[in-house]
Each structure stands twice: as C-alpha cells, then as structure tokens.
Amino acid sequence: MFDYKDTIWKRKQKKILKRDGYMCQFCKRYGKKTEATTVHHIKHVDECPELAYTDSNLVSLCFACHNKAHPEKAKNHRRY
C-alpha cells in the first residue's frame, strides 16, 4: 500500500503543487481559479505503482475535484 505520509511523497506533492501554481488544474480548464489542496495520481497508484512518483501522472486538484476523481471512495463514506 502506498504511504501518503512518506517524506519522499510529501516533497513530491510540494513540487507538483508549485509546478501547477497551487491552482486546481481541473477547475482551470473551465476558467475557474481554485486553490489546489492535494495532488492526484491520474493513473491510480494501486493499479500503476511504477507511476507513483512520475510528474506526468500527477496533477494538483482542489478538494471538490479530487472527490469527483474518486467517486468510489465517496460511496464508501455516505451515510443514510
């Protein structure tokens, strides 16, 4: 399992957020300026672990867009 608390990952996150100007890249496509709060693996790390630290597989997203990118996780957290 991928360790999101690992020092190497934390450094990579900072690098990608800086690369993307600390802006959500999905919102940017629609002309919105939203602060990015997380770095998302385009090809999920559990499916493609070899791309876990590859810059081209990482994108800065806001909280809302990151949740949209992971609908499978949102379903597990819904309460009725």
PDB file of N, CA and C in Angstrom:
ATOM      1  N   MET A   1       0.835  -1.185   0.000  1.00  0.00           N
ATOM      2  CA  MET A   1       0.000   0.000   0.000  1.00  0.00           C
ATOM      3  C   MET A   1       0.884   1.254   0.000  1.00  0.00           C
ATOM      4  N   PHE A   2       0.472   2.254  -0.752  1.00  0.00           N
ATOM      5  CA  PHE A   2       1.243   3.485  -0.892  1.00  0.00           C
ATOM      6  C   PHE A   2       1.190   4.304   0.400  1.00  0.00           C
ATOM      7  N   ASP A   3       2.323   4.824   0.814  1.00  0.00           N
ATOM      8  CA  ASP A   3       2.416   5.600   2.052  1.00  0.00           C
ATOM      9  C   ASP A   3       2.350   7.100   1.740  1.00  0.00           C
ATOM     10  N   TYR A   4       1.171   7.677   1.932  1.00  0.00           N
ATOM     11  CA  TYR A   4       0.974   9.101   1.661  1.00  0.00           C
ATOM     12  C   TYR A   4       1.615  10.003   2.713  1.00  0.00           C
ATOM     13  N   LYS A   5       2.133   9.422   3.786  1.00  0.00           N
ATOM     14  CA  LYS A   5       2.805  10.202   4.828  1.00  0.00           C
ATOM     15  C   LYS A   5       4.320  10.176   4.682  1.00  0.00           C
ATOM     16  N   ASP A   6       4.800   9.439   3.693  1.00  0.00           N
ATOM     17  CA  ASP A   6       6.235   9.297   3.451  1.00  0.00           C
ATOM     18  C   ASP A   6       6.860  10.637   3.074  1.00  0.00           C
ATOM     19  N   THR A   7       8.055  10.884   3.546  1.00  0.00           N
ATOM     20  CA  THR A   7       8.776  12.130   3.283  1.00  0.00           C
ATOM     21  C   THR A   7       8.990  12.357   1.789  1.00  0.00           C
ATOM     22  N   ILE A   8       9.292  11.312   1.065  1.00  0.00           N
ATOM     23  CA  ILE A   8       9.516  11.444  -0.387  1.00  0.00           C
ATOM     24  C   ILE A   8       8.231  11.920  -1.069  1.00  0.00           C
ATOM     25  N   TRP A   9       7.080  11.344  -0.671  1.00  0.00           N
ATOM     26  CA  TRP A   9       5.799  11.757  -1.252  1.00  0.00           C
ATOM     27  C   TRP A   9       5.491  13.216  -0.886  1.00  0.00           C
ATOM     28  N   LYS A  10       5.743  13.599   0.349  1.00  0.00           N
ATOM     29  CA  LYS A  10       5.479  14.976   0.789  1.00  0.00           C
ATOM     30  C   LYS A  10       6.288  15.971  -0.052  1.00  0.00           C
ATOM     31  N   ARG A  11       7.539  15.643  -0.331  1.00  0.00           N
ATOM     32  CA  ARG A  11       8.378  16.501  -1.175  1.00  0.00           C
ATOM     33  C   ARG A  11       7.834  16.567  -2.604  1.00  0.00           C
ATOM     34  N   LYS A  12       7.406  15.412  -3.113  1.00  0.00           N
ATOM     35  CA  LYS A  12       6.860  15.353  -4.470  1.00  0.00           C
ATOM     36  C   LYS A  12       5.575  16.179  -4.556  1.00  0.00           C
ATOM     37  N   GLN A  13       4.723  16.088  -3.553  1.00  0.00           N
ATOM     38  CA  GLN A  13       3.489  16.882  -3.513  1.00  0.00           C
ATOM     39  C   GLN A  13       3.795  18.367  -3.619  1.00  0.00           C
ATOM     40  N   LYS A  14       4.738  18.824  -2.817  1.00  0.00           N
ATOM     41  CA  LYS A  14       5.115  20.248  -2.835  1.00  0.00           C
ATOM     42  C   LYS A  14       5.610  20.665  -4.206  1.00  0.00           C
ATOM     43  N   LYS A  15       6.409  19.815  -4.837  1.00  0.00           N
ATOM     44  CA  LYS A  15       6.948  20.105  -6.169  1.00  0.00           C
ATOM     45  C   LYS A  15       5.819  20.236  -7.195  1.00  0.00           C
ATOM     46  N   ILE A  16       4.852  19.322  -7.155  1.00  0.00           N
ATOM     47  CA  ILE A  16       3.753  19.334  -8.127  1.00  0.00           C
ATOM     48  C   ILE A  16       2.827  20.523  -7.880  1.00  0.00           C
ATOM     49  N   LEU A  17       2.516  20.811  -6.632  1.00  0.00           N
ATOM     50  CA  LEU A  17       1.682  21.982  -6.322  1.00  0.00           C
ATOM     51  C   LEU A  17       2.351  23.258  -6.835  1.00  0.00           C
ATOM     52  N   LYS A  18       3.662  23.367  -6.621  1.00  0.00           N
ATOM     53  CA  LYS A  18       4.397  24.537  -7.111  1.00  0.00           C
ATOM     54  C   LYS A  18       4.376  24.578  -8.635  1.00  0.00           C
ATOM     55  N   ARG A  19       4.613  23.433  -9.275  1.00  0.00           N
ATOM     56  CA  ARG A  19       4.589  23.351 -10.742  1.00  0.00           C
ATOM     57  C   ARG A  19       3.262  23.865 -11.299  1.00  0.00           C
ATOM     58  N   ASP A  20       2.164  23.509 -10.634  1.00  0.00           N
ATOM     59  CA  ASP A  20       0.829  23.869 -11.103  1.00  0.00           C
ATOM     60  C   ASP A  20       0.341  25.215 -10.563  1.00  0.00           C
ATOM     61  N   GLY A  21       1.249  25.963  -9.938  1.00  0.00           N
ATOM     62  CA  GLY A  21       0.900  27.292  -9.437  1.00  0.00           C
ATOM     63  C   GLY A  21      -0.102  27.263  -8.297  1.00  0.00           C
ATOM     64  N   TYR A  22      -0.157  26.149  -7.578  1.00  0.00           N
ATOM     65  CA  TYR A  22      -1.066  25.966  -6.449  1.00  0.00           C
ATOM     66  C   TYR A  22      -2.531  26.142  -6.853  1.00  0.00           C
ATOM     67  N   MET A  23      -2.820  25.866  -8.127  1.00  0.00           N
ATOM     68  CA  MET A  23      -4.180  26.002  -8.652  1.00  0.00           C
ATOM     69  C   MET A  23      -4.703  24.639  -9.118  1.00  0.00           C
ATOM     70  N   CYS A  24      -6.002  24.421  -8.897  1.00  0.00           N
ATOM     71  CA  CYS A  24      -6.655  23.193  -9.353  1.00  0.00           C
ATOM     72  C   CYS A  24      -6.651  23.171 -10.879  1.00  0.00           C
ATOM     73  N   GLN A  25      -6.075  22.123 -11.423  1.00  0.00           N
ATOM     74  CA  GLN A  25      -5.941  22.029 -12.876  1.00  0.00           C
ATOM     75  C   GLN A  25      -7.250  21.637 -13.561  1.00  0.00           C
ATOM     76  N   PHE A  26      -8.169  20.972 -12.859  1.00  0.00           N
ATOM     77  CA  PHE A  26      -9.478  20.663 -13.429  1.00  0.00           C
ATOM     78  C   PHE A  26     -10.320  21.929 -13.495  1.00  0.00           C
ATOM     79  N   CYS A  27     -10.352  22.706 -12.418  1.00  0.00           N
ATOM     80  CA  CYS A  27     -11.113  23.969 -12.409  1.00  0.00           C
ATOM     81  C   CYS A  27     -10.561  24.929 -13.461  1.00  0.00           C
ATOM     82  N   LYS A  28      -9.254  24.943 -13.608  1.00  0.00           N
ATOM     83  CA  LYS A  28      -8.595  25.837 -14.559  1.00  0.00           C
ATOM     84  C   LYS A  28      -9.102  25.614 -15.983  1.00  0.00           C
ATOM     85  N   ARG A  29      -9.422  24.364 -16.315  1.00  0.00           N
ATOM     86  CA  ARG A  29      -9.951  24.048 -17.647  1.00  0.00           C
ATOM     87  C   ARG A  29     -11.237  24.811 -17.952  1.00  0.00           C
ATOM     88  N   TYR A  30     -11.975  25.140 -16.887  1.00  0.00           N
ATOM     89  CA  TYR A  30     -13.262  25.830 -17.041  1.00  0.00           C
ATOM     90  C   TYR A  30     -13.173  27.311 -16.678  1.00  0.00           C
ATOM     91  N   GLY A  31     -11.954  27.819 -16.604  1.00  0.00           N
ATOM     92  CA  GLY A  31     -11.750  29.234 -16.340  1.00  0.00           C
ATOM     93  C   GLY A  31     -11.907  29.636 -14.888  1.00  0.00           C
ATOM     94  N   LYS A  32     -11.987  28.659 -13.993  1.00  0.00           N
ATOM     95  CA  LYS A  32     -12.110  28.956 -12.560  1.00  0.00           C
ATOM     96  C   LYS A  32     -10.720  28.987 -11.928  1.00  0.00           C
ATOM     97  N   LYS A  33     -10.573  29.846 -10.947  1.00  0.00           N
ATOM     98  CA  LYS A  33      -9.324  29.902 -10.189  1.00  0.00           C
ATOM     99  C   LYS A  33      -9.609  29.378  -8.788  1.00  0.00           C
ATOM    100  N   THR A  34      -9.221  28.132  -8.559  1.00  0.00           N
ATOM    101  CA  THR A  34      -9.462  27.476  -7.282  1.00  0.00           C
ATOM    102  C   THR A  34      -8.141  26.957  -6.741  1.00  0.00           C
ATOM    103  N   GLU A  35      -7.900  27.190  -5.463  1.00  0.00           N
ATOM    104  CA  GLU A  35      -6.662  26.732  -4.849  1.00  0.00           C
ATOM    105  C   GLU A  35      -6.619  25.204  -4.795  1.00  0.00           C
ATOM    106  N   ALA A  36      -5.505  24.640  -5.191  1.00  0.00           N
ATOM    107  CA  ALA A  36      -5.296  23.195  -5.113  1.00  0.00           C
ATOM    108  C   ALA A  36      -4.893  22.828  -3.694  1.00  0.00           C
ATOM    109  N   THR A  37      -5.472  21.747  -3.190  1.00  0.00           N
ATOM    110  CA  THR A  37      -5.169  21.302  -1.830  1.00  0.00           C
ATOM    111  C   THR A  37      -4.531  19.924  -1.786  1.00  0.00           C
ATOM    112  N   THR A  38      -4.508  19.243  -2.929  1.00  0.00           N
ATOM    113  CA  THR A  38      -3.961  17.885  -2.951  1.00  0.00           C
ATOM    114  C   THR A  38      -3.369  17.572  -4.324  1.00  0.00           C
ATOM    115  N   VAL A  39      -2.577  16.514  -4.357  1.00  0.00           N
ATOM    116  CA  VAL A  39      -2.007  16.041  -5.622  1.00  0.00           C
ATOM    117  C   VAL A  39      -2.624  14.675  -5.916  1.00  0.00           C
ATOM    118  N   HIS A  40      -3.156  14.545  -7.110  1.00  0.00           N
ATOM    119  CA  HIS A  40      -3.891  13.349  -7.538  1.00  0.00           C
ATOM    120  C   HIS A  40      -3.064  12.518  -8.511  1.00  0.00           C
ATOM    121  N   HIS A  41      -3.106  11.204  -8.331  1.00  0.00           N
ATOM    122  CA  HIS A  41      -2.498  10.280  -9.291  1.00  0.00           C
ATOM    123  C   HIS A  41      -3.502  10.071 -10.422  1.00  0.00           C
ATOM    124  N   ILE A  42      -3.150  10.437 -11.643  1.00  0.00           N
ATOM    125  CA  ILE A  42      -4.035  10.277 -12.798  1.00  0.00           C
ATOM    126  C   ILE A  42      -4.311   8.788 -13.020  1.00  0.00           C
ATOM    127  N   LYS A  43      -3.249   8.010 -13.123  1.00  0.00           N
ATOM    128  CA  LYS A  43      -3.381   6.553 -13.121  1.00  0.00           C
ATOM    129  C   LYS A  43      -3.153   6.134 -11.676  1.00  0.00           C
ATOM    130  N   HIS A  44      -4.181   5.554 -11.083  1.00  0.00           N
ATOM    131  CA  HIS A  44      -4.155   5.269  -9.651  1.00  0.00           C
ATOM    132  C   HIS A  44      -2.956   4.433  -9.231  1.00  0.00           C
ATOM    133  N   VAL A  45      -2.412   4.797  -8.095  1.00  0.00           N
ATOM    134  CA  VAL A  45      -1.184   4.188  -7.596  1.00  0.00           C
ATOM    135  C   VAL A  45      -1.359   2.694  -7.313  1.00  0.00           C
ATOM    136  N   ASP A  46      -2.554   2.256  -6.951  1.00  0.00           N
ATOM    137  CA  ASP A  46      -2.752   0.829  -6.694  1.00  0.00           C
ATOM    138  C   ASP A  46      -2.769   0.017  -7.993  1.00  0.00           C
ATOM    139  N   GLU A  47      -3.088   0.673  -9.110  1.00  0.00           N
ATOM    140  CA  GLU A  47      -3.100  -0.006 -10.412  1.00  0.00           C
ATOM    141  C   GLU A  47      -1.768   0.136 -11.154  1.00  0.00           C
ATOM    142  N   CYS A  48      -1.089   1.266 -10.958  1.00  0.00           N
ATOM    143  CA  CYS A  48       0.185   1.542 -11.642  1.00  0.00           C
ATOM    144  C   CYS A  48       1.213   2.086 -10.650  1.00  0.00           C
ATOM    145  N   PRO A  49       1.676   1.257  -9.730  1.00  0.00           N
ATOM    146  CA  PRO A  49       2.619   1.738  -8.709  1.00  0.00           C
ATOM    147  C   PRO A  49       3.915   2.293  -9.292  1.00  0.00           C
ATOM    148  N   GLU A  50       4.282   1.848 -10.481  1.00  0.00           N
ATOM    149  CA  GLU A  50       5.516   2.347 -11.107  1.00  0.00           C
ATOM    150  C   GLU A  50       5.415   3.816 -11.493  1.00  0.00           C
ATOM    151  N   LEU A  51       4.197   4.363 -11.541  1.00  0.00           N
ATOM    152  CA  LEU A  51       3.996   5.780 -11.886  1.00  0.00           C
ATOM    153  C   LEU A  51       3.724   6.662 -10.669  1.00  0.00           C
ATOM    154  N   ALA A  52       3.887   6.113  -9.484  1.00  0.00           N
ATOM    155  CA  ALA A  52       3.541   6.822  -8.248  1.00  0.00           C
ATOM    156  C   ALA A  52       4.246   8.164  -8.091  1.00  0.00           C
ATOM    157  N   TYR A  53       5.481   8.261  -8.565  1.00  0.00           N
ATOM    158  CA  TYR A  53       6.258   9.494  -8.412  1.00  0.00           C
ATOM    159  C   TYR A  53       6.583  10.164  -9.745  1.00  0.00           C
ATOM    160  N   THR A  54       5.895   9.770 -10.799  1.00  0.00           N
ATOM    161  CA  THR A  54       6.125  10.321 -12.131  1.00  0.00           C
ATOM    162  C   THR A  54       5.338  11.618 -12.299  1.00  0.00           C
ATOM    163  N   ASP A  55       6.047  12.709 -12.553  1.00  0.00           N
ATOM    164  CA  ASP A  55       5.413  14.030 -12.640  1.00  0.00           C
ATOM    165  C   ASP A  55       4.232  14.073 -13.602  1.00  0.00           C
ATOM    166  N   SER A  56       4.357  13.424 -14.742  1.00  0.00           N
ATOM    167  CA  SER A  56       3.296  13.472 -15.746  1.00  0.00           C
ATOM    168  C   SER A  56       2.043  12.704 -15.318  1.00  0.00           C
ATOM    169  N   ASN A  57       2.139  11.914 -14.266  1.00  0.00           N
ATOM    170  CA  ASN A  57       0.988  11.176 -13.734  1.00  0.00           C
ATOM    171  C   ASN A  57       0.370  11.879 -12.529  1.00  0.00           C
ATOM    172  N   LEU A  58       0.844  13.067 -12.217  1.00  0.00           N
ATOM    173  CA  LEU A  58       0.376  13.792 -11.037  1.00  0.00           C
ATOM    174  C   LEU A  58      -0.204  15.139 -11.428  1.00  0.00           C
ATOM    175  N   VAL A  59      -1.295  15.506 -10.760  1.00  0.00           N
ATOM    176  CA  VAL A  59      -1.960  16.769 -11.059  1.00  0.00           C
ATOM    177  C   VAL A  59      -2.504  17.372  -9.760  1.00  0.00           C
ATOM    178  N   SER A  60      -2.415  18.685  -9.643  1.00  0.00           N
ATOM    179  CA  SER A  60      -2.916  19.395  -8.478  1.00  0.00           C
ATOM    180  C   SER A  60      -4.413  19.623  -8.610  1.00  0.00           C
ATOM    181  N   LEU A  61      -5.147  19.287  -7.532  1.00  0.00           N
ATOM    182  CA  LEU A  61      -6.601  19.437  -7.537  1.00  0.00           C
ATOM    183  C   LEU A  61      -7.103  20.069  -6.244  1.00  0.00           C
ATOM    184  N   CYS A  62      -8.273  20.700  -6.344  1.00  0.00           N
ATOM    185  CA  CYS A  62      -8.949  21.186  -5.143  1.00  0.00           C
ATOM    186  C   CYS A  62      -9.671  20.005  -4.489  1.00  0.00           C
ATOM    187  N   PHE A  63     -10.175  20.221  -3.302  1.00  0.00           N
ATOM    188  CA  PHE A  63     -10.855  19.163  -2.553  1.00  0.00           C
ATOM    189  C   PHE A  63     -12.039  18.599  -3.339  1.00  0.00           C
ATOM    190  N   ALA A  64     -12.871  19.478  -3.903  1.00  0.00           N
ATOM    191  CA  ALA A  64     -14.067  19.042  -4.631  1.00  0.00           C
ATOM    192  C   ALA A  64     -13.712  18.217  -5.868  1.00  0.00           C
ATOM    193  N   CYS A  65     -12.749  18.669  -6.640  1.00  0.00           N
ATOM    194  CA  CYS A  65     -12.358  17.930  -7.844  1.00  0.00           C
ATOM    195  C   CYS A  65     -11.698  16.603  -7.498  1.00  0.00           C
ATOM    196  N   HIS A  66     -10.946  16.570  -6.410  1.00  0.00           N
ATOM    197  CA  HIS A  66     -10.325  15.317  -6.006  1.00  0.00           C
ATOM    198  C   HIS A  66     -11.400  14.306  -5.607  1.00  0.00           C
ATOM    199  N   ASN A  67     -12.441  14.773  -4.933  1.00  0.00           N
ATOM    200  CA  ASN A  67     -13.549  13.880  -4.582  1.00  0.00           C
ATOM    201  C   ASN A  67     -14.262  13.369  -5.828  1.00  0.00           C
ATOM    202  N   LYS A  68     -14.428  14.247  -6.829  1.00  0.00           N
ATOM    203  CA  LYS A  68     -15.061  13.827  -8.086  1.00  0.00           C
ATOM    204  C   LYS A  68     -14.196  12.796  -8.811  1.00  0.00           C
ATOM    205  N   ALA A  69     -12.890  12.907  -8.661  1.00  0.00           N
ATOM    206  CA  ALA A  69     -11.966  11.977  -9.310  1.00  0.00           C
ATOM    207  C   ALA A  69     -11.978  10.604  -8.637  1.00  0.00           C
ATOM    208  N   HIS A  70     -12.541  10.542  -7.414  1.00  0.00           N
ATOM    209  CA  HIS A  70     -12.605   9.291  -6.646  1.00  0.00           C
ATOM    210  C   HIS A  70     -14.033   8.991  -6.202  1.00  0.00           C
ATOM    211  N   PRO A  71     -14.953   8.792  -7.132  1.00  0.00           N
ATOM    212  CA  PRO A  71     -16.338   8.511  -6.730  1.00  0.00           C
ATOM    213  C   PRO A  71     -16.476   7.214  -5.933  1.00  0.00           C
ATOM    214  N   GLU A  72     -15.562   6.288  -6.152  1.00  0.00           N
ATOM    215  CA  GLU A  72     -15.610   5.021  -5.420  1.00  0.00           C
ATOM    216  C   GLU A  72     -15.373   5.222  -3.929  1.00  0.00           C
ATOM    217  N   LYS A  73     -14.581   6.211  -3.572  1.00  0.00           N
ATOM    218  CA  LYS A  73     -14.331   6.497  -2.158  1.00  0.00           C
ATOM    219  C   LYS A  73     -15.507   7.235  -1.539  1.00  0.00           C
ATOM    220  N   ALA A  74     -16.122   8.120  -2.277  1.00  0.00           N
ATOM    221  CA  ALA A  74     -17.263   8.886  -1.773  1.00  0.00           C
ATOM    222  C   ALA A  74     -18.419   7.957  -1.418  1.00  0.00           C
ATOM    223  N   LYS A  75     -18.655   6.937  -2.211  1.00  0.00           N
ATOM    224  CA  LYS A  75     -19.736   5.993  -1.951  1.00  0.00           C
ATOM    225  C   LYS A  75     -19.536   5.285  -0.614  1.00  0.00           C
ATOM    226  N   ASN A  76     -18.290   5.008  -0.279  1.00  0.00           N
ATOM    227  CA  ASN A  76     -17.998   4.312   0.973  1.00  0.00           C
ATOM    228  C   ASN A  76     -18.202   5.179   2.196  1.00  0.00           C
ATOM    229  N   HIS A  77     -18.256   6.503   2.014  1.00  0.00           N
ATOM    230  CA  HIS A  77     -18.359   7.401   3.154  1.00  0.00           C
ATOM    231  C   HIS A  77     -19.744   8.000   3.332  1.00  0.00           C
ATOM    232  N   ARG A  78     -20.685   7.684   2.449  1.00  0.00           N
ATOM    233  CA  ARG A  78     -22.039   8.226   2.571  1.00  0.00           C
ATOM    234  C   ARG A  78     -22.773   7.575   3.717  1.00  0.00           C
ATOM    235  N   ARG A  79     -23.540   8.396   4.407  1.00  0.00           N
ATOM    236  CA  ARG A  79     -24.386   7.871   5.478  1.00  0.00           C
ATOM    237  C   ARG A  79     -25.833   8.210   5.146  1.00  0.00           C
ATOM    238  N   TYR A  80     -26.690   7.246   5.363  1.00  0.00           N
ATOM    239  CA  TYR A  80     -28.102   7.452   5.062  1.00  0.00           C
ATOM    240  C   TYR A  80     -28.910   7.520   6.323  1.00  0.00           C
TER     241      TYR A  80
END
